[in-house]
């Protein structure tokens, strides 16, 4: 697998520092599991963060700090523990752990023209979904109100900027307007995360947007 489009330093540093929404964390973790280059850069950022913590001056805490922290933990909703998995088909381990397996575990929802999606339950700050786009099919022309990360798991797509194949990630912000089109060959399966609704330019996608949640 030759990866040409990588995670930005800004996103890797935010991931290392724990400041990204869960949906973006999932995309970054999945890409990093495939990409030796980004995994090495992430390791460097982790090391820098650790060095900064080592040099940070200690701050005195109150005597009841530990008890107060444990009380707050007890009040949190019970989290669902996901069992770590190995790669499952075209799903790298971080993504496979969300479904308990590979693509055969996905409950797809048809969107029309053969396109399907599956929303992944994550935190409220951003949303994540899988997209299945048949060869030759286009995603409606759209812009962005925030940040969109799209990681290719199978197949490939092209838009006005470049071609994106397996392992590649496209980072699109408010300045980007595009019409992604799946290439001929295997259907394009992507993992996408957004922190704001897309801005569709055509009427029908805008009318459908509340129902598909993108």
N, C-alpha and C. Protein backbone atom coordinates (compact mmCIF):
# COMPACT_ATOMS: atom_id res chain seq x y z
N UNK A 1 0.84 -1.20 0.00
CA UNK A 1 0.00 0.00 0.00
C UNK A 1 0.87 1.25 0.00
N UNK A 2 0.70 2.09 -1.01
CA UNK A 2 1.44 3.35 -1.09
C UNK A 2 0.51 4.49 -0.67
N UNK A 3 0.85 5.15 0.43
CA UNK A 3 0.02 6.24 0.94
C UNK A 3 0.65 7.56 0.57
N UNK A 4 -0.11 8.41 -0.10
CA UNK A 4 0.39 9.70 -0.58
C UNK A 4 -0.16 10.88 0.21
N UNK A 5 -1.29 10.71 0.85
CA UNK A 5 -1.93 11.81 1.58
C UNK A 5 -1.99 11.45 3.06
N UNK A 6 -1.38 12.29 3.88
CA UNK A 6 -1.16 11.98 5.29
C UNK A 6 -1.89 12.94 6.23
N UNK A 7 -1.90 12.58 7.51
CA UNK A 7 -2.45 13.44 8.56
C UNK A 7 -1.52 14.64 8.75
N UNK A 8 -2.10 15.81 8.95
CA UNK A 8 -1.29 17.02 9.18
C UNK A 8 -0.65 16.97 10.57
N UNK A 9 0.46 17.72 10.73
CA UNK A 9 1.10 17.82 12.04
C UNK A 9 0.14 18.37 13.08
N UNK A 10 -0.68 19.34 12.69
CA UNK A 10 -1.61 19.94 13.63
C UNK A 10 -2.58 18.90 14.20
N UNK A 11 -3.12 18.05 13.33
CA UNK A 11 -4.04 17.01 13.80
C UNK A 11 -3.32 15.94 14.63
N UNK A 12 -2.11 15.57 14.21
CA UNK A 12 -1.36 14.59 14.98
C UNK A 12 -1.04 15.10 16.38
N UNK A 13 -0.67 16.38 16.48
CA UNK A 13 -0.38 16.95 17.80
C UNK A 13 -1.64 17.00 18.66
N UNK A 14 -2.78 17.34 18.05
CA UNK A 14 -4.03 17.38 18.80
C UNK A 14 -4.42 15.97 19.26
N UNK A 15 -4.20 14.98 18.40
CA UNK A 15 -4.47 13.59 18.77
C UNK A 15 -3.56 13.16 19.92
N UNK A 16 -2.29 13.50 19.82
CA UNK A 16 -1.33 13.16 20.87
C UNK A 16 -1.71 13.82 22.19
N UNK A 17 -2.21 15.06 22.11
CA UNK A 17 -2.57 15.79 23.32
C UNK A 17 -3.95 15.47 23.85
N UNK A 18 -4.72 14.63 23.14
CA UNK A 18 -6.03 14.23 23.61
C UNK A 18 -7.10 15.28 23.47
N UNK A 19 -6.96 16.19 22.49
CA UNK A 19 -7.92 17.28 22.36
C UNK A 19 -8.87 17.14 21.17
N UNK A 20 -8.83 16.02 20.46
CA UNK A 20 -9.72 15.82 19.32
C UNK A 20 -11.02 15.14 19.76
N UNK A 21 -12.12 15.40 19.06
CA UNK A 21 -13.35 14.64 19.31
C UNK A 21 -13.13 13.16 18.99
N UNK A 22 -13.97 12.31 19.57
CA UNK A 22 -13.82 10.88 19.37
C UNK A 22 -13.87 10.49 17.90
N UNK A 23 -14.78 11.13 17.13
CA UNK A 23 -14.91 10.78 15.70
C UNK A 23 -13.60 11.03 14.96
N UNK A 24 -12.95 12.17 15.24
CA UNK A 24 -11.67 12.46 14.59
C UNK A 24 -10.58 11.52 15.12
N UNK A 25 -10.63 11.22 16.41
CA UNK A 25 -9.66 10.26 16.96
C UNK A 25 -9.73 8.93 16.22
N UNK A 26 -10.95 8.48 15.90
CA UNK A 26 -11.11 7.21 15.21
C UNK A 26 -10.46 7.24 13.83
N UNK A 27 -10.67 8.33 13.09
CA UNK A 27 -10.07 8.44 11.76
C UNK A 27 -8.56 8.49 11.86
N UNK A 28 -8.03 9.31 12.77
CA UNK A 28 -6.59 9.42 12.91
C UNK A 28 -5.97 8.09 13.34
N UNK A 29 -6.57 7.43 14.33
CA UNK A 29 -6.03 6.15 14.80
C UNK A 29 -6.05 5.10 13.69
N UNK A 30 -7.11 5.11 12.88
CA UNK A 30 -7.20 4.13 11.79
C UNK A 30 -6.13 4.40 10.74
N UNK A 31 -5.93 5.69 10.39
CA UNK A 31 -4.89 6.03 9.42
C UNK A 31 -3.50 5.68 9.96
N UNK A 32 -3.25 6.04 11.21
CA UNK A 32 -1.93 5.80 11.81
C UNK A 32 -1.62 4.30 11.85
N UNK A 33 -2.65 3.48 12.03
CA UNK A 33 -2.42 2.04 12.06
C UNK A 33 -1.97 1.51 10.70
N UNK A 34 -2.25 2.27 9.62
CA UNK A 34 -1.86 1.87 8.27
C UNK A 34 -0.58 2.52 7.79
N UNK A 35 -0.18 3.63 8.41
CA UNK A 35 0.85 4.50 7.84
C UNK A 35 2.08 4.57 8.74
N UNK A 36 3.19 4.00 8.28
CA UNK A 36 4.43 4.03 9.06
C UNK A 36 4.93 5.45 9.28
N UNK A 37 4.78 6.29 8.26
CA UNK A 37 5.29 7.66 8.37
C UNK A 37 4.54 8.44 9.46
N UNK A 38 3.23 8.39 9.44
CA UNK A 38 2.45 9.13 10.44
C UNK A 38 2.62 8.52 11.83
N UNK A 39 2.80 7.20 11.90
CA UNK A 39 3.01 6.57 13.20
C UNK A 39 4.33 7.04 13.81
N UNK A 40 5.36 7.20 12.99
CA UNK A 40 6.65 7.70 13.49
C UNK A 40 6.53 9.16 13.94
N UNK A 41 5.83 9.98 13.15
CA UNK A 41 5.65 11.38 13.54
C UNK A 41 4.85 11.50 14.83
N UNK A 42 3.82 10.65 14.96
CA UNK A 42 3.04 10.66 16.20
C UNK A 42 3.90 10.28 17.39
N UNK A 43 4.78 9.30 17.22
CA UNK A 43 5.68 8.92 18.30
C UNK A 43 6.57 10.07 18.73
N UNK A 44 7.01 10.87 17.76
CA UNK A 44 7.85 12.03 18.08
C UNK A 44 7.07 13.06 18.88
N UNK A 45 5.81 13.31 18.48
CA UNK A 45 4.98 14.27 19.22
C UNK A 45 4.69 13.76 20.63
N UNK A 46 4.45 12.46 20.77
CA UNK A 46 4.24 11.89 22.10
C UNK A 46 5.47 12.09 22.99
N UNK A 47 6.65 11.90 22.40
CA UNK A 47 7.88 12.07 23.16
C UNK A 47 8.07 13.52 23.61
N UNK A 48 7.77 14.45 22.71
CA UNK A 48 7.88 15.87 23.06
C UNK A 48 6.90 16.21 24.19
N UNK A 49 5.66 15.71 24.07
CA UNK A 49 4.68 15.96 25.12
C UNK A 49 5.12 15.41 26.47
N UNK A 50 5.72 14.21 26.45
CA UNK A 50 6.21 13.64 27.69
C UNK A 50 7.34 14.46 28.29
N UNK A 51 8.22 14.97 27.43
CA UNK A 51 9.33 15.80 27.92
C UNK A 51 8.81 17.10 28.54
N UNK A 52 7.79 17.68 27.92
CA UNK A 52 7.21 18.91 28.47
C UNK A 52 6.61 18.65 29.84
N UNK A 53 5.91 17.52 30.00
CA UNK A 53 5.34 17.20 31.30
C UNK A 53 6.42 17.01 32.36
N UNK A 54 7.53 16.38 31.96
CA UNK A 54 8.62 16.16 32.91
C UNK A 54 9.19 17.47 33.40
N UNK A 55 9.16 18.51 32.56
CA UNK A 55 9.74 19.80 32.91
C UNK A 55 8.73 20.75 33.57
N UNK A 56 7.48 20.33 33.62
CA UNK A 56 6.45 21.20 34.19
C UNK A 56 6.54 21.20 35.70
N UNK A 57 6.43 22.39 36.28
CA UNK A 57 6.53 22.52 37.74
C UNK A 57 5.30 21.91 38.40
N UNK A 58 5.53 21.15 39.46
CA UNK A 58 4.43 20.51 40.17
C UNK A 58 3.57 21.55 40.88
N UNK A 59 2.28 21.27 40.96
CA UNK A 59 1.34 22.16 41.61
C UNK A 59 0.72 21.44 42.79
N UNK A 60 0.69 22.10 43.94
CA UNK A 60 0.12 21.49 45.14
C UNK A 60 -1.37 21.28 44.98
N UNK A 61 -1.88 20.17 45.48
CA UNK A 61 -3.30 19.85 45.40
C UNK A 61 -3.87 19.75 46.81
N UNK A 62 -5.17 19.95 46.91
CA UNK A 62 -5.81 19.87 48.21
C UNK A 62 -5.85 18.43 48.69
N UNK A 63 -6.04 18.25 49.98
CA UNK A 63 -6.01 16.91 50.56
C UNK A 63 -7.13 16.01 50.06
N UNK A 64 -8.26 16.62 49.68
CA UNK A 64 -9.39 15.80 49.24
C UNK A 64 -9.49 15.67 47.72
N UNK A 65 -8.42 16.01 47.00
CA UNK A 65 -8.46 15.99 45.54
C UNK A 65 -8.73 14.59 45.00
N UNK A 66 -8.06 13.59 45.54
CA UNK A 66 -8.24 12.23 45.05
C UNK A 66 -9.67 11.75 45.28
N UNK A 67 -10.19 11.98 46.47
CA UNK A 67 -11.55 11.55 46.79
C UNK A 67 -12.57 12.25 45.89
N UNK A 68 -12.35 13.55 45.64
CA UNK A 68 -13.28 14.30 44.77
C UNK A 68 -13.24 13.77 43.34
N UNK A 69 -12.04 13.43 42.87
CA UNK A 69 -11.89 12.89 41.52
C UNK A 69 -12.60 11.53 41.41
N UNK A 70 -12.43 10.67 42.40
CA UNK A 70 -13.07 9.35 42.37
C UNK A 70 -14.59 9.48 42.43
N UNK A 71 -15.08 10.46 43.19
CA UNK A 71 -16.52 10.68 43.25
C UNK A 71 -17.08 11.10 41.90
N UNK A 72 -16.35 11.95 41.18
CA UNK A 72 -16.80 12.39 39.86
C UNK A 72 -16.79 11.23 38.87
N UNK A 73 -15.79 10.36 38.98
CA UNK A 73 -15.74 9.18 38.10
C UNK A 73 -16.94 8.28 38.36
N UNK A 74 -17.31 8.11 39.62
CA UNK A 74 -18.45 7.26 39.96
C UNK A 74 -19.75 7.79 39.38
N UNK A 75 -19.84 9.11 39.16
CA UNK A 75 -21.06 9.71 38.64
C UNK A 75 -21.16 9.66 37.12
N UNK A 76 -20.07 9.28 36.44
CA UNK A 76 -20.09 9.20 34.98
C UNK A 76 -20.93 8.02 34.52
N UNK A 77 -21.55 8.12 33.32
CA UNK A 77 -22.29 6.98 32.78
C UNK A 77 -21.37 5.79 32.57
N UNK A 78 -21.92 4.61 32.73
CA UNK A 78 -21.14 3.39 32.53
C UNK A 78 -20.71 3.28 31.07
N UNK A 79 -19.43 3.22 30.82
CA UNK A 79 -18.92 3.15 29.45
C UNK A 79 -18.96 1.70 28.96
N UNK A 80 -19.17 1.57 27.66
CA UNK A 80 -19.12 0.25 27.03
C UNK A 80 -17.69 -0.06 26.63
N UNK A 81 -17.16 -1.15 27.12
CA UNK A 81 -15.78 -1.52 26.82
C UNK A 81 -15.73 -2.27 25.50
N UNK A 82 -14.93 -1.77 24.57
CA UNK A 82 -14.77 -2.44 23.27
C UNK A 82 -13.53 -3.32 23.32
N UNK A 83 -13.69 -4.57 22.99
CA UNK A 83 -12.57 -5.49 22.99
C UNK A 83 -11.67 -5.21 21.79
N UNK A 84 -10.37 -4.98 22.04
CA UNK A 84 -9.46 -4.73 20.90
C UNK A 84 -9.46 -5.90 19.93
N UNK A 85 -9.47 -5.59 18.65
CA UNK A 85 -9.45 -6.62 17.62
C UNK A 85 -8.28 -6.41 16.68
N UNK A 86 -7.97 -7.46 15.93
CA UNK A 86 -7.00 -7.34 14.86
C UNK A 86 -7.72 -6.85 13.61
N UNK A 87 -6.96 -6.57 12.58
CA UNK A 87 -7.55 -6.15 11.31
C UNK A 87 -8.58 -7.18 10.84
N UNK A 88 -9.71 -6.68 10.32
CA UNK A 88 -10.78 -7.55 9.85
C UNK A 88 -11.15 -7.13 8.44
N UNK A 89 -10.68 -7.87 7.43
CA UNK A 89 -10.92 -7.49 6.04
C UNK A 89 -10.26 -6.16 5.74
N UNK A 90 -11.04 -5.21 5.21
CA UNK A 90 -10.49 -3.89 4.89
C UNK A 90 -10.53 -2.96 6.09
N UNK A 91 -11.04 -3.44 7.24
CA UNK A 91 -11.12 -2.61 8.44
C UNK A 91 -9.86 -2.79 9.28
N UNK A 92 -9.03 -1.75 9.43
CA UNK A 92 -7.92 -1.83 10.37
C UNK A 92 -8.43 -2.00 11.80
N UNK A 93 -7.54 -2.40 12.71
CA UNK A 93 -7.94 -2.75 14.07
C UNK A 93 -8.75 -1.66 14.78
N UNK A 94 -8.35 -0.37 14.73
CA UNK A 94 -9.15 0.63 15.46
C UNK A 94 -10.60 0.69 15.01
N UNK A 95 -10.84 0.52 13.71
CA UNK A 95 -12.20 0.56 13.20
C UNK A 95 -12.93 -0.75 13.46
N UNK A 96 -12.24 -1.86 13.31
CA UNK A 96 -12.86 -3.17 13.55
C UNK A 96 -13.38 -3.28 14.97
N UNK A 97 -12.72 -2.61 15.92
CA UNK A 97 -13.15 -2.70 17.32
C UNK A 97 -14.50 -2.03 17.53
N UNK A 98 -14.88 -1.08 16.65
CA UNK A 98 -16.18 -0.41 16.78
C UNK A 98 -17.32 -1.30 16.29
N UNK A 99 -17.02 -2.23 15.40
CA UNK A 99 -18.05 -3.07 14.82
C UNK A 99 -17.97 -4.52 15.30
N UNK A 100 -16.91 -4.85 16.02
CA UNK A 100 -16.74 -6.23 16.43
C UNK A 100 -16.38 -7.14 15.28
N UNK A 101 -15.78 -6.57 14.23
CA UNK A 101 -15.41 -7.34 13.06
C UNK A 101 -15.26 -6.46 11.85
N UNK A 102 -15.39 -7.07 10.66
CA UNK A 102 -15.18 -6.36 9.41
C UNK A 102 -16.46 -5.86 8.78
N UNK A 103 -16.42 -5.59 7.47
CA UNK A 103 -17.57 -5.02 6.76
C UNK A 103 -18.83 -5.86 6.86
N UNK A 104 -18.69 -7.15 7.09
CA UNK A 104 -19.89 -8.00 7.19
C UNK A 104 -20.72 -7.66 8.42
N UNK A 105 -20.15 -6.92 9.38
CA UNK A 105 -20.88 -6.53 10.59
C UNK A 105 -21.59 -5.19 10.45
N UNK A 106 -21.39 -4.52 9.33
CA UNK A 106 -21.94 -3.17 9.15
C UNK A 106 -23.41 -3.24 8.73
N UNK A 107 -24.25 -2.42 9.34
CA UNK A 107 -25.65 -2.30 8.97
C UNK A 107 -25.79 -1.04 8.10
N UNK A 108 -25.69 -1.26 6.80
CA UNK A 108 -25.71 -0.14 5.86
C UNK A 108 -27.12 0.44 5.70
N UNK A 109 -27.17 1.75 5.46
CA UNK A 109 -28.43 2.42 5.16
C UNK A 109 -28.33 3.01 3.77
N UNK A 110 -29.21 2.61 2.84
CA UNK A 110 -29.12 3.13 1.47
C UNK A 110 -29.47 4.61 1.40
N UNK A 111 -28.69 5.34 0.58
CA UNK A 111 -28.93 6.76 0.38
C UNK A 111 -29.39 7.08 -1.04
N UNK A 112 -29.41 6.06 -1.93
CA UNK A 112 -29.79 6.27 -3.32
C UNK A 112 -28.62 6.13 -4.26
N UNK A 113 -28.90 5.71 -5.50
CA UNK A 113 -27.88 5.53 -6.54
C UNK A 113 -26.80 4.55 -6.13
N UNK A 114 -27.15 3.61 -5.25
CA UNK A 114 -26.20 2.61 -4.80
C UNK A 114 -25.30 3.04 -3.66
N UNK A 115 -25.36 4.32 -3.29
CA UNK A 115 -24.54 4.83 -2.18
C UNK A 115 -25.18 4.41 -0.86
N UNK A 116 -24.35 3.98 0.10
CA UNK A 116 -24.83 3.57 1.41
C UNK A 116 -23.96 4.21 2.49
N UNK A 117 -24.52 4.33 3.69
CA UNK A 117 -23.75 4.83 4.80
C UNK A 117 -24.10 4.06 6.07
N UNK A 118 -23.21 4.13 7.03
CA UNK A 118 -23.44 3.56 8.35
C UNK A 118 -22.86 4.53 9.37
N UNK A 119 -23.73 5.13 10.17
CA UNK A 119 -23.28 6.08 11.19
C UNK A 119 -22.65 5.31 12.34
N UNK A 120 -21.52 5.81 12.82
CA UNK A 120 -20.80 5.18 13.93
C UNK A 120 -21.06 6.01 15.19
N UNK A 121 -21.47 5.36 16.24
CA UNK A 121 -21.79 6.07 17.48
C UNK A 121 -20.51 6.56 18.15
N UNK A 122 -20.36 7.87 18.22
CA UNK A 122 -19.21 8.50 18.87
C UNK A 122 -19.73 9.66 19.73
N UNK A 123 -18.81 10.48 20.24
CA UNK A 123 -19.19 11.63 21.05
C UNK A 123 -19.94 12.67 20.24
N UNK A 124 -20.47 13.69 20.94
CA UNK A 124 -21.34 14.67 20.32
C UNK A 124 -20.59 15.78 19.57
N UNK A 125 -19.31 15.95 19.81
CA UNK A 125 -18.58 17.07 19.21
C UNK A 125 -18.35 16.90 17.71
N UNK A 126 -18.44 15.69 17.21
CA UNK A 126 -18.25 15.41 15.79
C UNK A 126 -18.91 14.07 15.49
N UNK A 127 -19.16 13.81 14.22
CA UNK A 127 -19.82 12.55 13.83
C UNK A 127 -18.92 11.76 12.89
N UNK A 128 -19.07 10.44 12.95
CA UNK A 128 -18.29 9.55 12.09
C UNK A 128 -19.23 8.61 11.37
N UNK A 129 -18.85 8.22 10.15
CA UNK A 129 -19.69 7.31 9.37
C UNK A 129 -18.83 6.58 8.35
N UNK A 130 -19.31 5.42 7.94
CA UNK A 130 -18.74 4.72 6.81
C UNK A 130 -19.56 5.06 5.58
N UNK A 131 -18.91 5.22 4.46
CA UNK A 131 -19.58 5.48 3.19
C UNK A 131 -19.19 4.40 2.19
N UNK A 132 -20.18 3.89 1.48
CA UNK A 132 -19.99 2.89 0.42
C UNK A 132 -20.45 3.54 -0.87
N UNK A 133 -19.51 3.75 -1.80
CA UNK A 133 -19.81 4.47 -3.04
C UNK A 133 -19.45 3.56 -4.22
N UNK A 134 -20.44 3.13 -5.01
CA UNK A 134 -20.15 2.25 -6.15
C UNK A 134 -19.24 2.92 -7.16
N UNK A 135 -18.52 2.11 -7.91
CA UNK A 135 -17.60 2.62 -8.93
C UNK A 135 -18.34 3.54 -9.90
N UNK A 136 -17.74 4.69 -10.16
CA UNK A 136 -18.31 5.65 -11.10
C UNK A 136 -19.33 6.59 -10.51
N UNK A 137 -19.77 6.33 -9.28
CA UNK A 137 -20.80 7.17 -8.66
C UNK A 137 -20.16 8.39 -8.00
N UNK A 138 -20.84 9.53 -8.08
CA UNK A 138 -20.34 10.78 -7.50
C UNK A 138 -21.10 11.11 -6.22
N UNK A 139 -20.41 11.71 -5.27
CA UNK A 139 -21.05 12.32 -4.11
C UNK A 139 -21.47 13.73 -4.52
N UNK A 140 -22.66 14.18 -4.15
CA UNK A 140 -23.11 15.51 -4.60
C UNK A 140 -22.11 16.61 -4.26
N UNK A 141 -22.02 17.57 -5.18
CA UNK A 141 -21.14 18.73 -5.01
C UNK A 141 -21.44 19.41 -3.68
N UNK A 142 -20.39 19.65 -2.88
CA UNK A 142 -20.62 20.24 -1.56
C UNK A 142 -19.38 20.98 -1.07
N UNK A 143 -19.65 21.89 -0.13
CA UNK A 143 -18.61 22.57 0.63
C UNK A 143 -18.70 22.14 2.08
N UNK A 144 -18.00 22.87 2.95
CA UNK A 144 -17.89 22.46 4.35
C UNK A 144 -18.07 23.65 5.29
N UNK A 145 -18.80 23.41 6.36
CA UNK A 145 -18.97 24.42 7.40
C UNK A 145 -17.95 24.24 8.53
N UNK A 146 -17.20 23.17 8.45
CA UNK A 146 -16.18 22.87 9.45
C UNK A 146 -15.11 22.01 8.83
N UNK A 147 -14.65 21.01 9.58
CA UNK A 147 -13.58 20.13 9.12
C UNK A 147 -14.15 18.77 8.78
N UNK A 148 -13.68 18.20 7.67
CA UNK A 148 -14.06 16.85 7.27
C UNK A 148 -12.80 16.05 6.99
N UNK A 149 -12.68 14.89 7.64
CA UNK A 149 -11.59 13.95 7.38
C UNK A 149 -12.18 12.73 6.69
N UNK A 150 -11.61 12.35 5.55
CA UNK A 150 -12.09 11.19 4.80
C UNK A 150 -10.93 10.24 4.53
N UNK A 151 -11.01 9.04 5.08
CA UNK A 151 -9.96 8.03 4.94
C UNK A 151 -10.47 6.92 4.03
N UNK A 152 -9.72 6.60 2.99
CA UNK A 152 -10.11 5.54 2.05
C UNK A 152 -9.66 4.20 2.60
N UNK A 153 -10.59 3.26 2.66
CA UNK A 153 -10.30 1.90 3.12
C UNK A 153 -10.23 0.91 1.97
N UNK A 154 -11.02 1.16 0.93
CA UNK A 154 -11.07 0.28 -0.25
C UNK A 154 -11.41 1.12 -1.46
N UNK A 155 -10.88 0.73 -2.63
CA UNK A 155 -11.16 1.48 -3.85
C UNK A 155 -10.43 2.81 -3.85
N UNK A 156 -11.00 3.78 -4.55
CA UNK A 156 -10.37 5.10 -4.65
C UNK A 156 -11.41 6.09 -5.15
N UNK A 157 -11.13 7.38 -4.90
CA UNK A 157 -11.97 8.43 -5.47
C UNK A 157 -11.10 9.59 -5.93
N UNK A 158 -11.65 10.37 -6.81
CA UNK A 158 -11.01 11.58 -7.29
C UNK A 158 -11.93 12.76 -7.05
N UNK A 159 -11.33 13.92 -6.81
CA UNK A 159 -12.09 15.16 -6.81
C UNK A 159 -11.26 16.23 -7.50
N UNK A 160 -11.65 17.49 -7.34
CA UNK A 160 -10.96 18.56 -8.04
C UNK A 160 -9.51 18.74 -7.61
N UNK A 161 -9.14 18.19 -6.46
CA UNK A 161 -7.78 18.41 -5.95
C UNK A 161 -6.82 17.28 -6.30
N UNK A 162 -7.27 15.99 -6.24
CA UNK A 162 -6.31 14.89 -6.41
C UNK A 162 -7.05 13.56 -6.41
N UNK A 163 -6.25 12.49 -6.41
CA UNK A 163 -6.76 11.12 -6.30
C UNK A 163 -6.43 10.60 -4.91
N UNK A 164 -7.37 9.84 -4.33
CA UNK A 164 -7.18 9.30 -2.99
C UNK A 164 -7.47 7.80 -3.02
N UNK A 165 -6.43 7.01 -2.70
CA UNK A 165 -6.54 5.56 -2.71
C UNK A 165 -6.48 5.00 -1.31
N UNK A 166 -6.39 3.66 -1.17
CA UNK A 166 -6.39 3.03 0.14
C UNK A 166 -5.30 3.60 1.07
N UNK A 167 -5.72 3.99 2.26
CA UNK A 167 -4.81 4.56 3.25
C UNK A 167 -4.68 6.07 3.17
N UNK A 168 -5.06 6.66 2.03
CA UNK A 168 -4.98 8.12 1.89
C UNK A 168 -6.08 8.79 2.70
N UNK A 169 -5.78 10.00 3.17
CA UNK A 169 -6.77 10.77 3.91
C UNK A 169 -6.89 12.15 3.29
N UNK A 170 -8.11 12.59 3.06
CA UNK A 170 -8.35 13.95 2.56
C UNK A 170 -8.83 14.81 3.73
N UNK A 171 -8.20 15.97 3.89
CA UNK A 171 -8.57 16.92 4.93
C UNK A 171 -9.21 18.12 4.24
N UNK A 172 -10.51 18.30 4.47
CA UNK A 172 -11.25 19.36 3.79
C UNK A 172 -11.80 20.34 4.83
N UNK A 173 -11.58 21.64 4.60
CA UNK A 173 -12.09 22.66 5.51
C UNK A 173 -13.04 23.59 4.77
N UNK A 174 -13.34 24.75 5.36
CA UNK A 174 -14.32 25.66 4.78
C UNK A 174 -13.93 26.17 3.39
N UNK A 175 -12.66 26.11 3.05
CA UNK A 175 -12.20 26.61 1.75
C UNK A 175 -12.40 25.60 0.63
N UNK A 176 -12.75 24.37 0.96
CA UNK A 176 -12.82 23.30 -0.04
C UNK A 176 -14.26 23.07 -0.50
N UNK A 177 -14.45 23.10 -1.83
CA UNK A 177 -15.69 22.65 -2.45
C UNK A 177 -15.31 21.59 -3.48
N UNK A 178 -15.99 20.46 -3.45
CA UNK A 178 -15.58 19.39 -4.36
C UNK A 178 -16.73 18.43 -4.65
N UNK A 179 -16.49 17.60 -5.66
CA UNK A 179 -17.44 16.55 -6.07
C UNK A 179 -16.65 15.25 -6.17
N UNK A 180 -16.52 14.51 -5.07
CA UNK A 180 -15.78 13.24 -5.12
C UNK A 180 -16.49 12.22 -6.01
N UNK A 181 -15.71 11.51 -6.83
CA UNK A 181 -16.24 10.49 -7.73
C UNK A 181 -15.44 9.20 -7.52
N UNK A 182 -16.13 8.10 -7.24
CA UNK A 182 -15.45 6.82 -7.05
C UNK A 182 -14.89 6.32 -8.37
N UNK A 183 -13.66 5.83 -8.34
CA UNK A 183 -13.03 5.30 -9.55
C UNK A 183 -13.62 3.94 -9.92
N UNK A 184 -13.36 3.54 -11.17
CA UNK A 184 -13.74 2.21 -11.61
C UNK A 184 -12.95 1.16 -10.82
N UNK A 185 -13.57 0.01 -10.63
CA UNK A 185 -12.94 -1.04 -9.84
C UNK A 185 -13.80 -1.34 -8.63
N UNK A 186 -13.18 -1.77 -7.53
CA UNK A 186 -13.96 -2.07 -6.33
C UNK A 186 -14.69 -0.82 -5.84
N UNK A 187 -15.85 -1.03 -5.22
CA UNK A 187 -16.57 0.09 -4.62
C UNK A 187 -15.66 0.81 -3.63
N UNK A 188 -15.83 2.11 -3.54
CA UNK A 188 -15.02 2.92 -2.63
C UNK A 188 -15.67 2.90 -1.25
N UNK A 189 -14.94 2.42 -0.27
CA UNK A 189 -15.41 2.44 1.13
C UNK A 189 -14.52 3.42 1.89
N UNK A 190 -15.15 4.40 2.52
CA UNK A 190 -14.42 5.45 3.23
C UNK A 190 -14.91 5.56 4.66
N UNK A 191 -14.02 5.97 5.54
CA UNK A 191 -14.36 6.37 6.90
C UNK A 191 -14.27 7.88 6.95
N UNK A 192 -15.37 8.55 7.29
CA UNK A 192 -15.40 10.01 7.27
C UNK A 192 -15.85 10.54 8.62
N UNK A 193 -15.30 11.70 9.00
CA UNK A 193 -15.70 12.37 10.24
C UNK A 193 -15.86 13.85 9.95
N UNK A 194 -16.90 14.46 10.51
CA UNK A 194 -17.17 15.88 10.34
C UNK A 194 -17.54 16.49 11.68
N UNK A 195 -17.19 17.78 11.85
CA UNK A 195 -17.60 18.48 13.07
C UNK A 195 -18.67 19.53 12.80
N UNK A 196 -19.20 19.54 11.57
CA UNK A 196 -20.28 20.45 11.21
C UNK A 196 -20.95 19.89 9.96
N UNK A 197 -22.23 20.22 9.72
CA UNK A 197 -22.91 19.70 8.53
C UNK A 197 -22.24 20.17 7.24
N UNK A 198 -22.29 19.34 6.20
CA UNK A 198 -21.78 19.73 4.90
C UNK A 198 -22.69 20.82 4.30
N UNK A 199 -22.19 21.50 3.30
CA UNK A 199 -22.95 22.55 2.62
C UNK A 199 -23.19 22.11 1.19
N UNK A 200 -24.32 21.42 0.95
CA UNK A 200 -24.63 20.93 -0.38
C UNK A 200 -25.11 22.07 -1.27
N UNK A 201 -24.72 22.02 -2.55
CA UNK A 201 -25.05 23.10 -3.47
C UNK A 201 -26.34 22.84 -4.24
N UNK A 202 -26.76 21.58 -4.37
CA UNK A 202 -27.98 21.25 -5.11
C UNK A 202 -29.16 21.13 -4.14
N UNK A 203 -30.36 21.35 -4.66
CA UNK A 203 -31.55 21.39 -3.82
C UNK A 203 -31.88 20.04 -3.20
N UNK A 204 -31.87 18.96 -4.00
CA UNK A 204 -32.30 17.66 -3.49
C UNK A 204 -31.41 17.18 -2.34
N UNK A 205 -30.07 17.25 -2.45
CA UNK A 205 -29.26 16.85 -1.29
C UNK A 205 -29.52 17.72 -0.06
N UNK A 206 -29.81 19.02 -0.27
CA UNK A 206 -30.11 19.87 0.88
C UNK A 206 -31.40 19.44 1.56
N UNK A 207 -32.41 19.05 0.76
CA UNK A 207 -33.67 18.59 1.34
C UNK A 207 -33.50 17.27 2.09
N UNK A 208 -32.62 16.41 1.57
CA UNK A 208 -32.41 15.10 2.19
C UNK A 208 -31.48 15.17 3.39
N UNK A 209 -30.75 16.24 3.54
CA UNK A 209 -29.70 16.32 4.56
C UNK A 209 -30.19 16.04 5.98
N UNK A 210 -31.34 16.58 6.42
CA UNK A 210 -31.78 16.28 7.78
C UNK A 210 -32.03 14.79 8.04
N UNK A 211 -32.33 14.05 6.98
CA UNK A 211 -32.66 12.63 7.14
C UNK A 211 -31.41 11.74 7.10
N UNK A 212 -30.37 12.19 6.41
CA UNK A 212 -29.16 11.37 6.31
C UNK A 212 -28.09 11.81 7.32
N UNK A 213 -28.27 13.01 7.90
CA UNK A 213 -27.42 13.41 9.01
C UNK A 213 -26.01 13.81 8.66
N UNK A 214 -25.74 14.20 7.44
CA UNK A 214 -24.38 14.58 7.05
C UNK A 214 -24.28 16.11 7.08
